[in-house]
Amino acid sequence: MKKLTILLLTILILILSNCKNNSEPPKDLLKYTIVSENISDTPLKTQVSINILLTDIKNINEKKLETLLTYLYNQQINRTGFKYHKHLNTVLVYAFSTKEKANAGKGQWVAMISKMYDDTNPKFEISETQFKALTVKEQ
């Protein structure tokens, strides 16, 4: 019995020591501000759509954008407290270079991450046109 208790405590310690704190942002995360967050909770889908403004675009690259949007996605995906679904089943996060573009609603995002109801994993996309304009402007 004593060996079993020691074994279970060892397993518990290993599990807890390997747990990742998802609320802690990754190092070198791009700086941003949230422009808008819209939640829709209906019988068919429970969705959040977030527009962010990239506020620090020095040394921006696709990997840094993906890291930022994945971090924001992971913060949202396990939200609870909705009427029709336990968790969100659709998450959309859009990154914009200006507040005007974020508020225009014309698809002028630099990068986005999305997970729709039927998707098993989120999809990350870069708008080549907006990204190139952003990186050319900075050089």
N, C-alpha and C. Protein backbone atom coordinates (compact mmCIF):
# COMPACT_ATOMS: atom_id res chain seq x y z
N MET A 1 0.82 -1.20 0.00
CA MET A 1 0.00 0.00 0.00
C MET A 1 0.87 1.27 0.00
N LYS A 2 1.96 1.22 0.76
CA LYS A 2 2.86 2.37 0.83
C LYS A 2 3.50 2.63 -0.53
N LYS A 3 3.86 1.58 -1.24
CA LYS A 3 4.47 1.72 -2.57
C LYS A 3 3.47 2.33 -3.56
N LEU A 4 2.21 1.92 -3.45
CA LEU A 4 1.17 2.46 -4.33
C LEU A 4 0.98 3.96 -4.08
N THR A 5 0.97 4.36 -2.82
CA THR A 5 0.82 5.77 -2.48
C THR A 5 1.98 6.59 -3.03
N ILE A 6 3.19 6.08 -2.87
CA ILE A 6 4.38 6.77 -3.39
C ILE A 6 4.31 6.87 -4.91
N LEU A 7 3.90 5.79 -5.56
CA LEU A 7 3.78 5.79 -7.01
C LEU A 7 2.75 6.82 -7.48
N LEU A 8 1.60 6.86 -6.83
CA LEU A 8 0.55 7.82 -7.21
C LEU A 8 1.01 9.26 -6.97
N LEU A 9 1.70 9.51 -5.87
CA LEU A 9 2.21 10.86 -5.62
C LEU A 9 3.25 11.25 -6.65
N THR A 10 4.10 10.32 -7.03
CA THR A 10 5.11 10.59 -8.05
C THR A 10 4.46 10.93 -9.39
N ILE A 11 3.46 10.17 -9.76
CA ILE A 11 2.73 10.42 -11.02
C ILE A 11 2.06 11.79 -10.97
N LEU A 12 1.43 12.11 -9.84
CA LEU A 12 0.77 13.40 -9.70
C LEU A 12 1.76 14.55 -9.82
N ILE A 13 2.90 14.43 -9.20
CA ILE A 13 3.94 15.47 -9.28
C ILE A 13 4.42 15.63 -10.72
N LEU A 14 4.63 14.51 -11.41
CA LEU A 14 5.06 14.58 -12.80
C LEU A 14 4.02 15.26 -13.68
N ILE A 15 2.78 14.92 -13.47
CA ILE A 15 1.71 15.53 -14.26
C ILE A 15 1.64 17.03 -14.00
N LEU A 16 1.66 17.41 -12.73
CA LEU A 16 1.56 18.83 -12.40
C LEU A 16 2.77 19.62 -12.86
N SER A 17 3.94 19.02 -12.81
CA SER A 17 5.14 19.75 -13.24
C SER A 17 5.19 19.92 -14.76
N ASN A 18 4.46 19.09 -15.49
CA ASN A 18 4.45 19.19 -16.95
C ASN A 18 3.28 20.01 -17.48
N CYS A 19 2.40 20.46 -16.59
CA CYS A 19 1.28 21.29 -17.02
C CYS A 19 1.80 22.65 -17.43
N LYS A 20 1.29 23.14 -18.53
CA LYS A 20 1.70 24.44 -19.05
C LYS A 20 0.67 25.48 -18.64
N ASN A 21 1.13 26.62 -18.21
CA ASN A 21 0.24 27.72 -17.88
C ASN A 21 -0.04 28.49 -19.17
N ASN A 22 -1.22 28.28 -19.76
CA ASN A 22 -1.56 28.89 -21.04
C ASN A 22 -1.84 30.38 -20.94
N SER A 23 -1.99 30.89 -19.71
CA SER A 23 -2.28 32.32 -19.59
C SER A 23 -1.02 33.17 -19.68
N GLU A 24 0.14 32.54 -19.57
CA GLU A 24 1.40 33.29 -19.66
C GLU A 24 1.78 33.46 -21.13
N PRO A 25 1.96 34.71 -21.56
CA PRO A 25 2.28 34.92 -22.98
C PRO A 25 3.68 34.43 -23.33
N PRO A 26 3.86 33.99 -24.56
CA PRO A 26 5.19 33.58 -25.02
C PRO A 26 6.15 34.76 -25.01
N LYS A 27 7.44 34.46 -24.93
CA LYS A 27 8.45 35.52 -25.00
C LYS A 27 8.40 36.17 -26.38
N ASP A 28 8.74 37.43 -26.43
CA ASP A 28 8.80 38.19 -27.68
C ASP A 28 7.46 38.26 -28.41
N LEU A 29 6.36 38.21 -27.67
CA LEU A 29 5.04 38.33 -28.29
C LEU A 29 4.88 39.74 -28.85
N LEU A 30 4.37 39.82 -30.08
CA LEU A 30 4.10 41.12 -30.68
C LEU A 30 3.12 41.90 -29.80
N LYS A 31 3.31 43.19 -29.74
CA LYS A 31 2.41 44.03 -28.94
C LYS A 31 1.16 44.34 -29.77
N TYR A 32 0.03 44.39 -29.06
CA TYR A 32 -1.26 44.59 -29.72
C TYR A 32 -2.24 45.22 -28.75
N THR A 33 -3.33 45.74 -29.30
CA THR A 33 -4.48 46.16 -28.50
C THR A 33 -5.73 45.56 -29.14
N ILE A 34 -6.69 45.26 -28.32
CA ILE A 34 -7.95 44.72 -28.84
C ILE A 34 -8.83 45.89 -29.27
N VAL A 35 -9.24 45.87 -30.52
CA VAL A 35 -10.10 46.92 -31.07
C VAL A 35 -11.56 46.58 -30.82
N SER A 36 -11.92 45.31 -31.05
CA SER A 36 -13.30 44.90 -30.82
C SER A 36 -13.36 43.40 -30.55
N GLU A 37 -14.40 43.03 -29.80
CA GLU A 37 -14.68 41.62 -29.53
C GLU A 37 -16.19 41.45 -29.65
N ASN A 38 -16.61 40.59 -30.57
CA ASN A 38 -18.03 40.35 -30.77
C ASN A 38 -18.34 38.89 -30.49
N ILE A 39 -19.33 38.67 -29.62
CA ILE A 39 -19.74 37.32 -29.27
C ILE A 39 -21.14 37.09 -29.80
N SER A 40 -21.33 35.94 -30.43
CA SER A 40 -22.63 35.53 -30.93
C SER A 40 -22.93 34.16 -30.34
N ASP A 41 -24.06 34.02 -29.67
CA ASP A 41 -24.43 32.76 -29.02
C ASP A 41 -25.82 32.37 -29.50
N THR A 42 -25.87 31.43 -30.44
CA THR A 42 -27.13 30.98 -31.02
C THR A 42 -27.20 29.46 -30.93
N PRO A 43 -28.37 28.87 -31.17
CA PRO A 43 -28.46 27.42 -31.13
C PRO A 43 -27.51 26.72 -32.11
N LEU A 44 -27.20 27.35 -33.25
CA LEU A 44 -26.33 26.72 -34.24
C LEU A 44 -24.86 26.89 -33.93
N LYS A 45 -24.47 28.06 -33.42
CA LYS A 45 -23.05 28.26 -33.13
C LYS A 45 -22.85 29.32 -32.06
N THR A 46 -21.78 29.11 -31.33
CA THR A 46 -21.34 30.08 -30.34
C THR A 46 -19.97 30.56 -30.80
N GLN A 47 -19.90 31.84 -31.13
CA GLN A 47 -18.73 32.38 -31.82
C GLN A 47 -18.19 33.62 -31.13
N VAL A 48 -16.86 33.78 -31.19
CA VAL A 48 -16.23 35.04 -30.82
C VAL A 48 -15.40 35.49 -32.01
N SER A 49 -15.48 36.78 -32.30
CA SER A 49 -14.68 37.38 -33.36
C SER A 49 -13.95 38.57 -32.74
N ILE A 50 -12.63 38.55 -32.84
CA ILE A 50 -11.81 39.58 -32.21
C ILE A 50 -10.96 40.27 -33.27
N ASN A 51 -10.97 41.59 -33.25
CA ASN A 51 -10.09 42.40 -34.10
C ASN A 51 -9.02 43.01 -33.20
N ILE A 52 -7.75 42.82 -33.59
CA ILE A 52 -6.66 43.42 -32.83
C ILE A 52 -5.87 44.37 -33.72
N LEU A 53 -5.26 45.35 -33.08
CA LEU A 53 -4.39 46.29 -33.77
C LEU A 53 -2.95 45.96 -33.39
N LEU A 54 -2.13 45.73 -34.39
CA LEU A 54 -0.70 45.48 -34.15
C LEU A 54 -0.05 46.81 -33.82
N THR A 55 0.47 46.96 -32.61
CA THR A 55 1.02 48.25 -32.19
C THR A 55 2.54 48.31 -32.27
N ASP A 56 3.18 47.18 -32.38
CA ASP A 56 4.65 47.15 -32.48
C ASP A 56 5.00 46.24 -33.66
N ILE A 57 5.30 46.85 -34.79
CA ILE A 57 5.53 46.03 -35.99
C ILE A 57 6.99 45.99 -36.41
N LYS A 58 7.88 46.44 -35.53
CA LYS A 58 9.30 46.32 -35.83
C LYS A 58 9.67 44.84 -35.84
N ASN A 59 10.45 44.45 -36.81
CA ASN A 59 10.91 43.06 -36.93
C ASN A 59 9.76 42.06 -37.01
N ILE A 60 8.64 42.50 -37.58
CA ILE A 60 7.49 41.60 -37.71
C ILE A 60 7.79 40.55 -38.77
N ASN A 61 7.31 39.35 -38.52
CA ASN A 61 7.43 38.28 -39.51
C ASN A 61 6.25 37.34 -39.35
N GLU A 62 6.12 36.41 -40.28
CA GLU A 62 4.98 35.51 -40.27
C GLU A 62 4.94 34.65 -39.01
N LYS A 63 6.09 34.20 -38.56
CA LYS A 63 6.15 33.34 -37.36
C LYS A 63 5.66 34.09 -36.13
N LYS A 64 6.08 35.36 -35.99
CA LYS A 64 5.64 36.16 -34.84
C LYS A 64 4.13 36.41 -34.90
N LEU A 65 3.61 36.62 -36.09
CA LEU A 65 2.16 36.79 -36.24
C LEU A 65 1.43 35.51 -35.86
N GLU A 66 1.94 34.39 -36.32
CA GLU A 66 1.30 33.11 -35.99
C GLU A 66 1.36 32.85 -34.49
N THR A 67 2.48 33.15 -33.86
CA THR A 67 2.61 32.96 -32.41
C THR A 67 1.59 33.82 -31.66
N LEU A 68 1.46 35.08 -32.05
CA LEU A 68 0.50 35.98 -31.41
C LEU A 68 -0.93 35.48 -31.57
N LEU A 69 -1.31 35.17 -32.80
CA LEU A 69 -2.70 34.77 -33.04
C LEU A 69 -3.02 33.42 -32.41
N THR A 70 -2.06 32.52 -32.38
CA THR A 70 -2.27 31.23 -31.72
C THR A 70 -2.44 31.43 -30.22
N TYR A 71 -1.65 32.30 -29.64
CA TYR A 71 -1.79 32.63 -28.22
C TYR A 71 -3.19 33.18 -27.93
N LEU A 72 -3.65 34.13 -28.73
CA LEU A 72 -4.98 34.71 -28.52
C LEU A 72 -6.08 33.68 -28.74
N TYR A 73 -5.91 32.83 -29.74
CA TYR A 73 -6.87 31.75 -29.99
C TYR A 73 -6.96 30.83 -28.77
N ASN A 74 -5.81 30.44 -28.23
CA ASN A 74 -5.78 29.53 -27.07
C ASN A 74 -6.43 30.16 -25.85
N GLN A 75 -6.35 31.47 -25.72
CA GLN A 75 -7.02 32.15 -24.61
C GLN A 75 -8.54 32.08 -24.75
N GLN A 76 -9.04 32.01 -25.96
CA GLN A 76 -10.48 32.05 -26.20
C GLN A 76 -11.15 30.68 -26.23
N ILE A 77 -10.49 29.69 -26.76
CA ILE A 77 -11.15 28.44 -27.13
C ILE A 77 -11.82 27.72 -25.96
N ASN A 78 -11.34 27.90 -24.75
CA ASN A 78 -11.93 27.20 -23.61
C ASN A 78 -12.86 28.07 -22.77
N ARG A 79 -13.25 29.21 -23.30
CA ARG A 79 -14.20 30.06 -22.58
C ARG A 79 -15.51 29.31 -22.39
N THR A 80 -16.16 29.57 -21.27
CA THR A 80 -17.44 28.93 -20.97
C THR A 80 -18.45 30.00 -20.57
N GLY A 81 -19.64 29.53 -20.19
CA GLY A 81 -20.66 30.45 -19.71
C GLY A 81 -21.64 30.90 -20.77
N PHE A 82 -21.76 30.13 -21.82
CA PHE A 82 -22.68 30.49 -22.90
C PHE A 82 -24.00 29.75 -22.73
N LYS A 83 -25.03 30.25 -23.35
CA LYS A 83 -26.36 29.67 -23.22
C LYS A 83 -26.53 28.38 -24.02
N TYR A 84 -26.07 28.37 -25.26
CA TYR A 84 -26.38 27.26 -26.15
C TYR A 84 -25.30 26.19 -26.25
N HIS A 85 -24.07 26.52 -25.98
CA HIS A 85 -22.98 25.56 -26.05
C HIS A 85 -22.08 25.76 -24.84
N LYS A 86 -21.46 24.68 -24.39
CA LYS A 86 -20.56 24.78 -23.23
C LYS A 86 -19.36 25.65 -23.56
N HIS A 87 -18.79 25.45 -24.75
CA HIS A 87 -17.62 26.21 -25.19
C HIS A 87 -17.91 26.85 -26.54
N LEU A 88 -17.07 27.79 -26.92
CA LEU A 88 -17.13 28.36 -28.26
C LEU A 88 -16.89 27.25 -29.28
N ASN A 89 -17.61 27.28 -30.40
CA ASN A 89 -17.30 26.33 -31.47
C ASN A 89 -16.78 27.05 -32.71
N THR A 90 -16.74 28.37 -32.66
CA THR A 90 -16.15 29.16 -33.74
C THR A 90 -15.35 30.30 -33.12
N VAL A 91 -14.07 30.39 -33.50
CA VAL A 91 -13.20 31.45 -33.00
C VAL A 91 -12.52 32.11 -34.20
N LEU A 92 -12.59 33.43 -34.25
CA LEU A 92 -11.97 34.21 -35.33
C LEU A 92 -11.14 35.33 -34.69
N VAL A 93 -9.87 35.40 -35.03
CA VAL A 93 -9.01 36.49 -34.53
C VAL A 93 -8.32 37.10 -35.74
N TYR A 94 -8.52 38.40 -35.92
CA TYR A 94 -7.96 39.13 -37.05
C TYR A 94 -6.96 40.18 -36.55
N ALA A 95 -5.80 40.27 -37.19
CA ALA A 95 -4.79 41.28 -36.86
C ALA A 95 -4.75 42.33 -37.96
N PHE A 96 -4.82 43.60 -37.56
CA PHE A 96 -4.83 44.72 -38.51
C PHE A 96 -3.65 45.65 -38.25
N SER A 97 -3.28 46.38 -39.29
CA SER A 97 -2.16 47.33 -39.18
C SER A 97 -2.61 48.71 -38.73
N THR A 98 -3.89 49.04 -38.94
CA THR A 98 -4.41 50.34 -38.49
C THR A 98 -5.80 50.14 -37.89
N LYS A 99 -6.17 51.05 -37.02
CA LYS A 99 -7.50 51.00 -36.41
C LYS A 99 -8.58 51.21 -37.46
N GLU A 100 -8.29 52.06 -38.45
CA GLU A 100 -9.26 52.33 -39.52
C GLU A 100 -9.58 51.04 -40.29
N LYS A 101 -8.56 50.28 -40.60
CA LYS A 101 -8.78 49.02 -41.32
C LYS A 101 -9.55 48.03 -40.45
N ALA A 102 -9.26 48.01 -39.16
CA ALA A 102 -9.97 47.11 -38.25
C ALA A 102 -11.45 47.46 -38.17
N ASN A 103 -11.76 48.74 -38.17
CA ASN A 103 -13.15 49.18 -38.07
C ASN A 103 -13.89 49.18 -39.40
N ALA A 104 -13.16 49.13 -40.51
CA ALA A 104 -13.78 49.19 -41.84
C ALA A 104 -14.58 47.93 -42.18
N GLY A 105 -14.16 46.79 -41.66
CA GLY A 105 -14.87 45.55 -41.95
C GLY A 105 -14.77 45.12 -43.40
N LYS A 106 -13.70 45.46 -44.06
CA LYS A 106 -13.56 45.15 -45.49
C LYS A 106 -12.54 44.03 -45.75
N GLY A 107 -12.19 43.26 -44.74
CA GLY A 107 -11.24 42.17 -44.95
C GLY A 107 -9.82 42.63 -45.17
N GLN A 108 -9.44 43.73 -44.56
CA GLN A 108 -8.10 44.28 -44.76
C GLN A 108 -7.13 43.82 -43.66
N TRP A 109 -7.30 42.61 -43.19
CA TRP A 109 -6.45 42.08 -42.13
C TRP A 109 -5.08 41.66 -42.66
N VAL A 110 -4.09 41.73 -41.79
CA VAL A 110 -2.73 41.30 -42.12
C VAL A 110 -2.62 39.79 -41.95
N ALA A 111 -3.20 39.29 -40.86
CA ALA A 111 -3.19 37.86 -40.57
C ALA A 111 -4.44 37.51 -39.79
N MET A 112 -4.81 36.24 -39.84
CA MET A 112 -5.97 35.78 -39.09
C MET A 112 -5.78 34.33 -38.68
N ILE A 113 -6.49 33.96 -37.63
CA ILE A 113 -6.57 32.55 -37.24
C ILE A 113 -8.04 32.26 -37.03
N SER A 114 -8.48 31.11 -37.49
CA SER A 114 -9.90 30.77 -37.38
C SER A 114 -10.08 29.29 -37.12
N LYS A 115 -11.13 29.00 -36.38
CA LYS A 115 -11.57 27.62 -36.21
C LYS A 115 -13.08 27.65 -36.31
N MET A 116 -13.58 27.02 -37.35
CA MET A 116 -15.01 26.95 -37.55
C MET A 116 -15.56 25.69 -36.88
N TYR A 117 -16.86 25.59 -36.83
CA TYR A 117 -17.55 24.50 -36.15
C TYR A 117 -17.03 23.12 -36.55
N ASP A 118 -16.85 22.90 -37.84
CA ASP A 118 -16.44 21.58 -38.33
C ASP A 118 -14.93 21.35 -38.32
N ASP A 119 -14.14 22.37 -38.06
CA ASP A 119 -12.69 22.23 -38.06
C ASP A 119 -12.21 21.54 -36.78
N THR A 120 -11.19 20.71 -36.92
CA THR A 120 -10.60 20.11 -35.74
C THR A 120 -9.45 20.96 -35.21
N ASN A 121 -8.78 21.70 -36.09
CA ASN A 121 -7.66 22.55 -35.70
C ASN A 121 -7.85 23.94 -36.28
N PRO A 122 -7.28 24.94 -35.63
CA PRO A 122 -7.38 26.30 -36.18
C PRO A 122 -6.54 26.44 -37.44
N LYS A 123 -6.95 27.38 -38.30
CA LYS A 123 -6.23 27.66 -39.55
C LYS A 123 -5.66 29.07 -39.48
N PHE A 124 -4.37 29.18 -39.76
CA PHE A 124 -3.68 30.47 -39.75
C PHE A 124 -3.48 30.92 -41.19
N GLU A 125 -3.76 32.20 -41.46
CA GLU A 125 -3.58 32.74 -42.81
C GLU A 125 -2.92 34.10 -42.75
N ILE A 126 -2.13 34.39 -43.77
CA ILE A 126 -1.51 35.70 -43.95
C ILE A 126 -2.10 36.31 -45.21
N SER A 127 -2.45 37.59 -45.16
CA SER A 127 -2.82 38.31 -46.37
C SER A 127 -1.52 38.85 -46.95
N GLU A 128 -1.07 38.23 -48.02
CA GLU A 128 0.23 38.62 -48.61
C GLU A 128 0.25 40.10 -48.97
N THR A 129 -0.84 40.61 -49.51
CA THR A 129 -0.91 42.02 -49.91
C THR A 129 -0.73 42.94 -48.70
N GLN A 130 -1.51 42.70 -47.64
CA GLN A 130 -1.43 43.54 -46.45
C GLN A 130 -0.09 43.37 -45.73
N PHE A 131 0.42 42.14 -45.70
CA PHE A 131 1.70 41.88 -45.02
C PHE A 131 2.85 42.57 -45.75
N LYS A 132 2.86 42.46 -47.07
CA LYS A 132 3.92 43.12 -47.85
C LYS A 132 3.86 44.63 -47.69
N ALA A 133 2.66 45.19 -47.71
CA ALA A 133 2.51 46.65 -47.53
C ALA A 133 3.00 47.07 -46.15
N LEU A 134 2.76 46.25 -45.18
CA LEU A 134 3.20 46.54 -43.82
C LEU A 134 4.71 46.48 -43.69
N THR A 135 5.32 45.46 -44.24
CA THR A 135 6.78 45.31 -44.11
C THR A 135 7.52 46.31 -44.99
N VAL A 136 6.97 46.69 -46.13
CA VAL A 136 7.61 47.70 -46.99
C VAL A 136 7.56 49.05 -46.30
N LYS A 137 6.43 49.36 -45.66
CA LYS A 137 6.25 50.63 -44.97
C LYS A 137 7.29 50.79 -43.85
N GLU A 138 7.65 49.70 -43.19
CA GLU A 138 8.57 49.76 -42.07
C GLU A 138 10.03 49.87 -42.49
N GLN A 139 10.38 49.49 -43.70
CA GLN A 139 11.78 49.49 -44.12
C GLN A 139 12.27 50.82 -44.59
